[in-house]
Amino acid sequence: MAHGAQKILNYPPSGQGPVELLSLMGLGGGLELVGGFLIMIGLFTRVTAFILSGEMAVAYFMAHAPGGFLPLVNKGELAVLYCFVFFYMATAGGGSWSVDRLLGRGAGVADSELRAARS
């Protein structure tokens, strides 16, 4: 969410100003801002995390991979880390404190394990 706020709202100031909304950076910033908020509250967690995981993979291959394939060489460690963390969230769901869970849509791995242990 912080990266999206910096791109879209220029907060905290980046020194470059906000990006144009109808550009690739604007699309990425919008996904990060809105998607980050949705992930933070746990609403539509699986779908949002899957989209953000793909965005981070695209960011890695477009911005970092031309500088060398290895993340340590091309400074793409955070993009790879976010990609895999979001992918994990897409499979695991938002967890017990998520809005998805409160709405009854977020039955995840923990719920199925709990039901299996009770029976």
C-alpha atoms as a PDB file:
ATOM      1  CA  MET A   1       0.000   0.000   0.000  1.00  0.00           C
ATOM      2  CA  ALA A   2       2.884   2.357   0.778  1.00  0.00           C
ATOM      3  CA  HIS A   3       4.418   1.884  -2.681  1.00  0.00           C
ATOM      4  CA  GLY A   4       1.061   2.602  -4.319  1.00  0.00           C
ATOM      5  CA  ALA A   5       0.527   5.709  -2.195  1.00  0.00           C
ATOM      6  CA  GLN A   6       3.935   6.981  -3.203  1.00  0.00           C
ATOM      7  CA  LYS A   7       3.222   6.409  -6.897  1.00  0.00           C
ATOM      8  CA  ILE A   8      -0.361   7.718  -6.973  1.00  0.00           C
ATOM      9  CA  LEU A   9      -0.532  10.260  -4.138  1.00  0.00           C
ATOM     10  CA  ASN A  10       3.182  11.174  -3.992  1.00  0.00           C
ATOM     11  CA  TYR A  11       3.158  10.439  -0.262  1.00  0.00           C
ATOM     12  CA  PRO A  12       5.742  10.133   1.096  1.00  0.00           C
ATOM     13  CA  PRO A  13       7.277  12.461  -1.504  1.00  0.00           C
ATOM     14  CA  SER A  14       9.463  10.616  -3.987  1.00  0.00           C
ATOM     15  CA  GLY A  15      11.032  13.665  -5.597  1.00  0.00           C
ATOM     16  CA  GLN A  16       9.539  12.685  -8.957  1.00  0.00           C
ATOM     17  CA  GLY A  17       5.923  13.636  -8.311  1.00  0.00           C
ATOM     18  CA  PRO A  18       2.894  11.404  -8.852  1.00  0.00           C
ATOM     19  CA  VAL A  19       2.827   9.199 -11.942  1.00  0.00           C
ATOM     20  CA  GLU A  20       0.280   9.524 -14.735  1.00  0.00           C
ATOM     21  CA  LEU A  21      -2.724   7.354 -13.881  1.00  0.00           C
ATOM     22  CA  LEU A  22      -3.171   5.990 -17.412  1.00  0.00           C
ATOM     23  CA  SER A  23       0.341   4.598 -17.636  1.00  0.00           C
ATOM     24  CA  LEU A  24       1.869   1.266 -16.683  1.00  0.00           C
ATOM     25  CA  MET A  25       3.274   2.795 -13.485  1.00  0.00           C
ATOM     26  CA  GLY A  26      -0.130   4.333 -12.762  1.00  0.00           C
ATOM     27  CA  LEU A  27      -1.813   0.953 -13.177  1.00  0.00           C
ATOM     28  CA  GLY A  28       0.766  -0.647 -10.899  1.00  0.00           C
ATOM     29  CA  GLY A  29       0.367   2.113  -8.331  1.00  0.00           C
ATOM     30  CA  GLY A  30      -3.410   1.743  -8.374  1.00  0.00           C
ATOM     31  CA  LEU A  31      -3.151  -2.018  -7.908  1.00  0.00           C
ATOM     32  CA  GLU A  32      -0.702  -1.550  -5.049  1.00  0.00           C
ATOM     33  CA  LEU A  33      -2.764   1.146  -3.314  1.00  0.00           C
ATOM     34  CA  VAL A  34      -6.180  -0.508  -3.592  1.00  0.00           C
ATOM     35  CA  GLY A  35      -4.850  -4.068  -3.392  1.00  0.00           C
ATOM     36  CA  GLY A  36      -2.712  -3.219  -0.382  1.00  0.00           C
ATOM     37  CA  PHE A  37      -5.742  -1.824   1.420  1.00  0.00           C
ATOM     38  CA  LEU A  38      -7.830  -4.900   0.567  1.00  0.00           C
ATOM     39  CA  ILE A  39      -5.061  -7.219   1.777  1.00  0.00           C
ATOM     40  CA  MET A  40      -4.667  -5.143   4.948  1.00  0.00           C
ATOM     41  CA  ILE A  41      -8.316  -5.561   5.927  1.00  0.00           C
ATOM     42  CA  GLY A  42      -8.610  -9.058   4.483  1.00  0.00           C
ATOM     43  CA  LEU A  43     -11.327  -8.437   1.898  1.00  0.00           C
ATOM     44  CA  PHE A  44     -11.218 -10.461  -1.353  1.00  0.00           C
ATOM     45  CA  THR A  45      -7.844 -11.652  -0.080  1.00  0.00           C
ATOM     46  CA  ARG A  46      -7.281 -14.611  -2.371  1.00  0.00           C
ATOM     47  CA  VAL A  47      -8.144 -12.847  -5.624  1.00  0.00           C
ATOM     48  CA  THR A  48      -6.340  -9.647  -4.667  1.00  0.00           C
ATOM     49  CA  ALA A  49      -3.219 -11.474  -3.542  1.00  0.00           C
ATOM     50  CA  PHE A  50      -3.159 -13.500  -6.774  1.00  0.00           C
ATOM     51  CA  ILE A  51      -3.358 -10.310  -8.860  1.00  0.00           C
ATOM     52  CA  LEU A  52      -0.658  -8.618  -6.780  1.00  0.00           C
ATOM     53  CA  SER A  53       1.557 -11.694  -7.041  1.00  0.00           C
ATOM     54  CA  GLY A  54       1.321 -11.467 -10.813  1.00  0.00           C
ATOM     55  CA  GLU A  55       2.027  -7.743 -10.702  1.00  0.00           C
ATOM     56  CA  MET A  56       5.199  -8.365  -8.706  1.00  0.00           C
ATOM     57  CA  ALA A  57       6.325 -11.054 -11.167  1.00  0.00           C
ATOM     58  CA  VAL A  58       5.786  -8.637 -14.062  1.00  0.00           C
ATOM     59  CA  ALA A  59       7.630  -5.895 -12.162  1.00  0.00           C
ATOM     60  CA  TYR A  60      10.564  -8.215 -11.562  1.00  0.00           C
ATOM     61  CA  PHE A  61      10.889  -9.298 -15.180  1.00  0.00           C
ATOM     62  CA  MET A  62      10.329  -5.809 -16.611  1.00  0.00           C
ATOM     63  CA  ALA A  63      12.348  -3.680 -14.207  1.00  0.00           C
ATOM     64  CA  HIS A  64      14.905  -5.951 -12.568  1.00  0.00           C
ATOM     65  CA  ALA A  65      15.669  -8.972 -14.756  1.00  0.00           C
ATOM     66  CA  PRO A  66      17.316  -6.916 -17.545  1.00  0.00           C
ATOM     67  CA  GLY A  67      20.061  -6.107 -14.998  1.00  0.00           C
ATOM     68  CA  GLY A  68      20.836  -9.798 -14.521  1.00  0.00           C
ATOM     69  CA  PHE A  69      18.627 -12.765 -13.668  1.00  0.00           C
ATOM     70  CA  LEU A  70      19.571 -13.210 -10.004  1.00  0.00           C
ATOM     71  CA  PRO A  71      17.687 -10.966  -7.556  1.00  0.00           C
ATOM     72  CA  LEU A  72      20.847 -10.274  -5.550  1.00  0.00           C
ATOM     73  CA  VAL A  73      22.542  -8.893  -8.668  1.00  0.00           C
ATOM     74  CA  ASN A  74      19.621  -6.869 -10.096  1.00  0.00           C
ATOM     75  CA  LYS A  75      18.239  -5.554  -6.763  1.00  0.00           C
ATOM     76  CA  GLY A  76      14.922  -7.337  -7.257  1.00  0.00           C
ATOM     77  CA  GLU A  77      14.797  -9.085  -3.881  1.00  0.00           C
ATOM     78  CA  LEU A  78      11.702  -7.212  -2.678  1.00  0.00           C
ATOM     79  CA  ALA A  79       9.771  -7.871  -5.887  1.00  0.00           C
ATOM     80  CA  VAL A  80      10.497 -11.602  -5.600  1.00  0.00           C
ATOM     81  CA  LEU A  81       9.674 -11.619  -1.892  1.00  0.00           C
ATOM     82  CA  TYR A  82       6.356  -9.809  -2.419  1.00  0.00           C
ATOM     83  CA  CYS A  83       5.526 -12.116  -5.329  1.00  0.00           C
ATOM     84  CA  PHE A  84       5.880 -15.241  -3.207  1.00  0.00           C
ATOM     85  CA  VAL A  85       4.263 -13.758  -0.088  1.00  0.00           C
ATOM     86  CA  PHE A  86       1.238 -12.681  -2.137  1.00  0.00           C
ATOM     87  CA  PHE A  87       1.129 -16.098  -3.790  1.00  0.00           C
ATOM     88  CA  TYR A  88       1.102 -17.711  -0.341  1.00  0.00           C
ATOM     89  CA  MET A  89      -1.742 -15.392   0.719  1.00  0.00           C
ATOM     90  CA  ALA A  90      -3.650 -16.350  -2.436  1.00  0.00           C
ATOM     91  CA  THR A  91      -3.539 -19.994  -1.381  1.00  0.00           C
ATOM     92  CA  ALA A  92      -3.902 -19.557   2.393  1.00  0.00           C
ATOM     93  CA  GLY A  93      -6.527 -16.809   2.480  1.00  0.00           C
ATOM     94  CA  GLY A  94      -6.845 -13.875   4.821  1.00  0.00           C
ATOM     95  CA  GLY A  95      -6.809 -15.688   8.122  1.00  0.00           C
ATOM     96  CA  SER A  96      -8.944 -15.557  11.194  1.00  0.00           C
ATOM     97  CA  TRP A  97      -8.992 -11.756  11.578  1.00  0.00           C
ATOM     98  CA  SER A  98      -9.961 -10.962   7.984  1.00  0.00           C
ATOM     99  CA  VAL A  99     -13.174  -9.390   6.730  1.00  0.00           C
ATOM    100  CA  ASP A 100     -13.544 -12.405   4.436  1.00  0.00           C
ATOM    101  CA  ARG A 101     -13.719 -14.602   7.523  1.00  0.00           C
ATOM    102  CA  LEU A 102     -16.314 -12.351   9.149  1.00  0.00           C
ATOM    103  CA  LEU A 103     -18.441 -12.538   6.007  1.00  0.00           C
ATOM    104  CA  GLY A 104     -18.148 -16.322   5.915  1.00  0.00           C
ATOM    105  CA  ARG A 105     -16.100 -16.431   2.693  1.00  0.00           C
ATOM    106  CA  GLY A 106     -12.680 -16.976   4.190  1.00  0.00           C
ATOM    107  CA  ALA A 107     -12.722 -20.553   5.386  1.00  0.00           C
ATOM    108  CA  GLY A 108      -9.080 -21.414   4.953  1.00  0.00           C
ATOM    109  CA  VAL A 109      -6.648 -24.143   5.810  1.00  0.00           C
ATOM    110  CA  ALA A 110      -6.945 -23.578   9.570  1.00  0.00           C
ATOM    111  CA  ASP A 111     -10.726 -24.069   9.470  1.00  0.00           C
ATOM    112  CA  SER A 112     -10.500 -27.317   7.529  1.00  0.00           C
ATOM    113  CA  GLU A 113      -7.807 -28.629   9.884  1.00  0.00           C
ATOM    114  CA  LEU A 114      -9.948 -27.692  12.868  1.00  0.00           C
ATOM    115  CA  ARG A 115     -12.990 -29.490  11.434  1.00  0.00           C
ATOM    116  CA  ALA A 116     -10.857 -32.557  10.668  1.00  0.00           C
ATOM    117  CA  ALA A 117      -9.474 -32.589  14.215  1.00  0.00           C
ATOM    118  CA  ARG A 118     -12.977 -32.411  15.716  1.00  0.00           C
ATOM    119  CA  SER A 119     -14.310 -35.386  13.743  1.00  0.00           C
END
